[in-house]
Amino acid sequence: MTESKRTISPEQAHEMLKGHEANFERIRQAGAHDERRWDNEIALLQRRVAERFEEVDIGGGDRLAIRTCLSDEESEEFVRLLAESEKGKNLQARATATYQLLALITANPKLTADFFKTNRSQYATTDVMAVLVGFLENRAIQQRDRVQRVKDISSFRQEREGTELR
């Protein structure tokens, strides 16, 4: 048995492709739509790191904004700074780490490590510690909520498997 190969001229190929231009345009638009969707998701993640915050009560109804969505790098830096603030080589190293830690977790861009260092007489240590405690509590609540959602999903799946139609 022999195979026959069909050949077409460039003009015929051009005419065939010309008839499908509308389809090609739909394919391009669908691809562009997907690209925008994926780009928007990336922007959403970046925006959450930059803009998500909650206010914590530092006493007497006074509230300060803390960041609630640290990047992976910032989370690692947070852990490092927390350890350094607790177990630094000397008091000055611990204080510097604490200032950097506070600057990292507060949402106010004016509350920098330099601000905390140079304005020590203008804020109470108990207030900034309340900010740190509020941040840690917020993280613990987020973690607890995630664990509970996983339990709820697992429980729901088990219930659904037990009620299969027969």
Protein backbone atom coordinates (compact mmCIF):
# COMPACT_ATOMS: atom_id res chain seq x y z
CA MET A 1 0.00 0.00 0.00
CA THR A 2 1.41 3.38 -0.91
CA GLU A 3 0.92 6.62 0.86
CA SER A 4 -0.17 9.60 -1.11
CA LYS A 5 1.04 12.98 -0.01
CA ARG A 6 -1.13 15.94 -0.67
CA THR A 7 0.65 19.12 -1.54
CA ILE A 8 -0.83 22.53 -1.81
CA SER A 9 0.55 25.65 -3.33
CA PRO A 10 1.47 28.67 -1.20
CA GLU A 11 -1.49 30.51 -2.72
CA GLN A 12 -3.88 27.74 -1.65
CA ALA A 13 -2.39 27.70 1.84
CA HIS A 14 -2.77 31.46 2.05
CA GLU A 15 -6.43 31.25 1.01
CA MET A 16 -7.10 28.50 3.58
CA LEU A 17 -5.50 30.51 6.37
CA LYS A 18 -7.30 33.66 5.29
CA GLY A 19 -10.60 31.87 5.81
CA HIS A 20 -9.69 31.19 9.43
CA GLU A 21 -8.51 34.68 10.43
CA ALA A 22 -11.50 35.16 12.75
CA ASN A 23 -10.58 31.95 14.59
CA PHE A 24 -6.99 33.08 14.96
CA GLU A 25 -8.16 36.40 16.39
CA ARG A 26 -10.36 34.58 18.93
CA ILE A 27 -7.40 32.42 19.93
CA ARG A 28 -5.21 35.52 20.40
CA GLN A 29 -7.91 37.23 22.47
CA ALA A 30 -8.37 34.15 24.66
CA GLY A 31 -4.62 34.01 25.24
CA ALA A 32 -4.52 37.71 26.09
CA HIS A 33 -7.45 37.24 28.50
CA ASP A 34 -5.59 34.42 30.25
CA GLU A 35 -2.41 36.52 30.44
CA ARG A 36 -4.33 39.42 32.03
CA ARG A 37 -5.95 37.02 34.48
CA TRP A 38 -2.61 35.56 35.57
CA ASP A 39 -1.01 39.02 35.74
CA ASN A 40 -3.92 40.22 37.90
CA GLU A 41 -3.40 37.31 40.30
CA ILE A 42 0.27 38.20 40.65
CA ALA A 43 -0.66 41.84 41.26
CA LEU A 44 -3.20 40.72 43.87
CA LEU A 45 -0.53 38.81 45.81
CA GLN A 46 1.85 41.74 45.64
CA ARG A 47 -0.86 44.19 46.69
CA ARG A 48 -1.75 42.07 49.74
CA VAL A 49 1.86 42.17 50.95
CA ALA A 50 1.99 45.92 50.45
CA GLU A 51 -1.45 46.95 51.69
CA ARG A 52 -3.00 44.40 54.09
CA PHE A 53 -3.12 45.57 57.69
CA GLU A 54 -5.24 45.46 60.82
CA GLU A 55 -5.37 47.82 63.72
CA VAL A 56 -4.41 46.50 67.13
CA ASP A 57 -5.48 48.02 70.40
CA ILE A 58 -2.43 49.11 72.36
CA GLY A 59 -4.48 50.13 75.37
CA GLY A 60 -7.05 52.74 76.22
CA GLY A 61 -8.75 52.30 72.85
CA ASP A 62 -5.69 53.61 70.97
CA ARG A 63 -4.95 51.64 67.84
CA LEU A 64 -1.94 51.18 65.56
CA ALA A 65 -1.93 49.51 62.17
CA ILE A 66 0.10 46.32 61.79
CA ARG A 67 0.85 44.46 58.60
CA THR A 68 -0.96 41.14 58.31
CA CYS A 69 0.55 39.77 55.12
CA LEU A 70 4.35 39.55 55.14
CA SER A 71 6.21 38.23 52.13
CA ASP A 72 8.17 35.01 52.49
CA GLU A 73 11.42 36.97 52.78
CA GLU A 74 9.89 39.29 55.36
CA SER A 75 8.60 36.33 57.37
CA GLU A 76 12.11 34.89 57.46
CA GLU A 77 13.47 38.29 58.46
CA PHE A 78 10.79 38.53 61.16
CA VAL A 79 11.88 35.22 62.69
CA ARG A 80 15.54 36.25 62.54
CA LEU A 81 14.88 39.65 64.11
CA LEU A 82 12.64 38.18 66.80
CA ALA A 83 15.40 35.75 67.82
CA GLU A 84 17.99 38.54 67.70
CA SER A 85 15.79 40.84 69.81
CA GLU A 86 15.54 38.12 72.46
CA LYS A 87 19.02 36.63 72.37
CA GLY A 88 21.27 39.25 70.83
CA LYS A 89 24.94 39.44 71.83
CA ASN A 90 24.42 42.62 73.79
CA LEU A 91 21.72 45.10 74.74
CA GLN A 92 22.41 47.38 71.78
CA ALA A 93 22.15 44.50 69.28
CA ARG A 94 18.85 43.42 70.84
CA ALA A 95 17.52 46.99 70.73
CA THR A 96 18.52 47.42 67.08
CA ALA A 97 16.79 44.14 66.17
CA THR A 98 13.68 45.24 68.05
CA TYR A 99 13.55 48.57 66.18
CA GLN A 100 13.91 46.75 62.86
CA LEU A 101 11.24 44.26 63.91
CA LEU A 102 8.79 47.02 64.81
CA ALA A 103 9.46 48.81 61.52
CA LEU A 104 8.79 45.57 59.65
CA ILE A 105 5.44 44.83 61.27
CA THR A 106 3.94 48.31 61.49
CA ALA A 107 1.98 49.53 58.49
CA ASN A 108 2.89 53.20 58.93
CA PRO A 109 5.86 53.88 56.61
CA LYS A 110 7.02 56.67 58.94
CA LEU A 111 7.57 54.19 61.78
CA THR A 112 11.05 53.17 60.69
CA ALA A 113 13.81 51.54 62.71
CA ASP A 114 15.52 54.93 62.79
CA PHE A 115 12.34 56.54 64.16
CA PHE A 116 12.14 54.01 66.98
CA LYS A 117 15.84 54.44 67.76
CA THR A 118 15.97 58.23 67.71
CA ASN A 119 12.62 58.91 69.40
CA ARG A 120 12.87 56.58 72.37
CA SER A 121 11.73 59.31 74.78
CA GLN A 122 8.55 59.92 72.76
CA TYR A 123 6.83 56.53 73.04
CA ALA A 124 6.23 54.00 75.76
CA THR A 125 7.97 50.66 75.59
CA THR A 126 4.71 49.03 76.69
CA ASP A 127 2.95 50.51 73.64
CA VAL A 128 5.44 49.12 71.13
CA MET A 129 5.43 45.79 72.93
CA ALA A 130 1.62 45.82 72.61
CA VAL A 131 2.14 46.25 68.86
CA LEU A 132 4.43 43.22 68.78
CA VAL A 133 2.05 41.15 70.90
CA GLY A 134 -0.86 42.20 68.65
CA PHE A 135 1.11 41.09 65.60
CA LEU A 136 1.93 37.73 67.16
CA GLU A 137 -1.70 37.23 68.26
CA ASN A 138 -2.89 38.05 64.74
CA ARG A 139 -0.53 35.45 63.26
CA ALA A 140 -1.69 32.86 65.80
CA ILE A 141 -5.34 33.56 64.96
CA GLN A 142 -4.64 33.26 61.23
CA GLN A 143 -2.88 29.94 61.80
CA ARG A 144 -5.70 28.64 64.01
CA ASP A 145 -8.29 29.66 61.38
CA ARG A 146 -6.36 27.83 58.64
CA VAL A 147 -6.17 24.67 60.76
CA GLN A 148 -9.91 24.88 61.47
CA ARG A 149 -10.71 25.28 57.74
CA VAL A 150 -8.67 22.17 56.95
CA LYS A 151 -10.53 20.25 59.67
CA ASP A 152 -13.87 21.49 58.35
CA ILE A 153 -13.02 20.46 54.79
CA SER A 154 -11.83 17.05 55.96
CA SER A 155 -15.00 16.56 58.01
CA PHE A 156 -17.19 17.64 55.08
CA ARG A 157 -15.48 15.16 52.76
CA GLN A 158 -15.97 12.32 55.24
CA GLU A 159 -19.65 13.21 55.61
CA ARG A 160 -20.11 13.30 51.82
CA GLU A 161 -18.43 9.91 51.40
CA GLY A 162 -20.77 8.43 54.01
CA THR A 163 -23.89 9.66 52.17
CA GLU A 164 -23.20 8.36 48.70
CA LEU A 165 -26.25 7.48 46.62
CA ARG A 166 -26.93 3.79 46.30
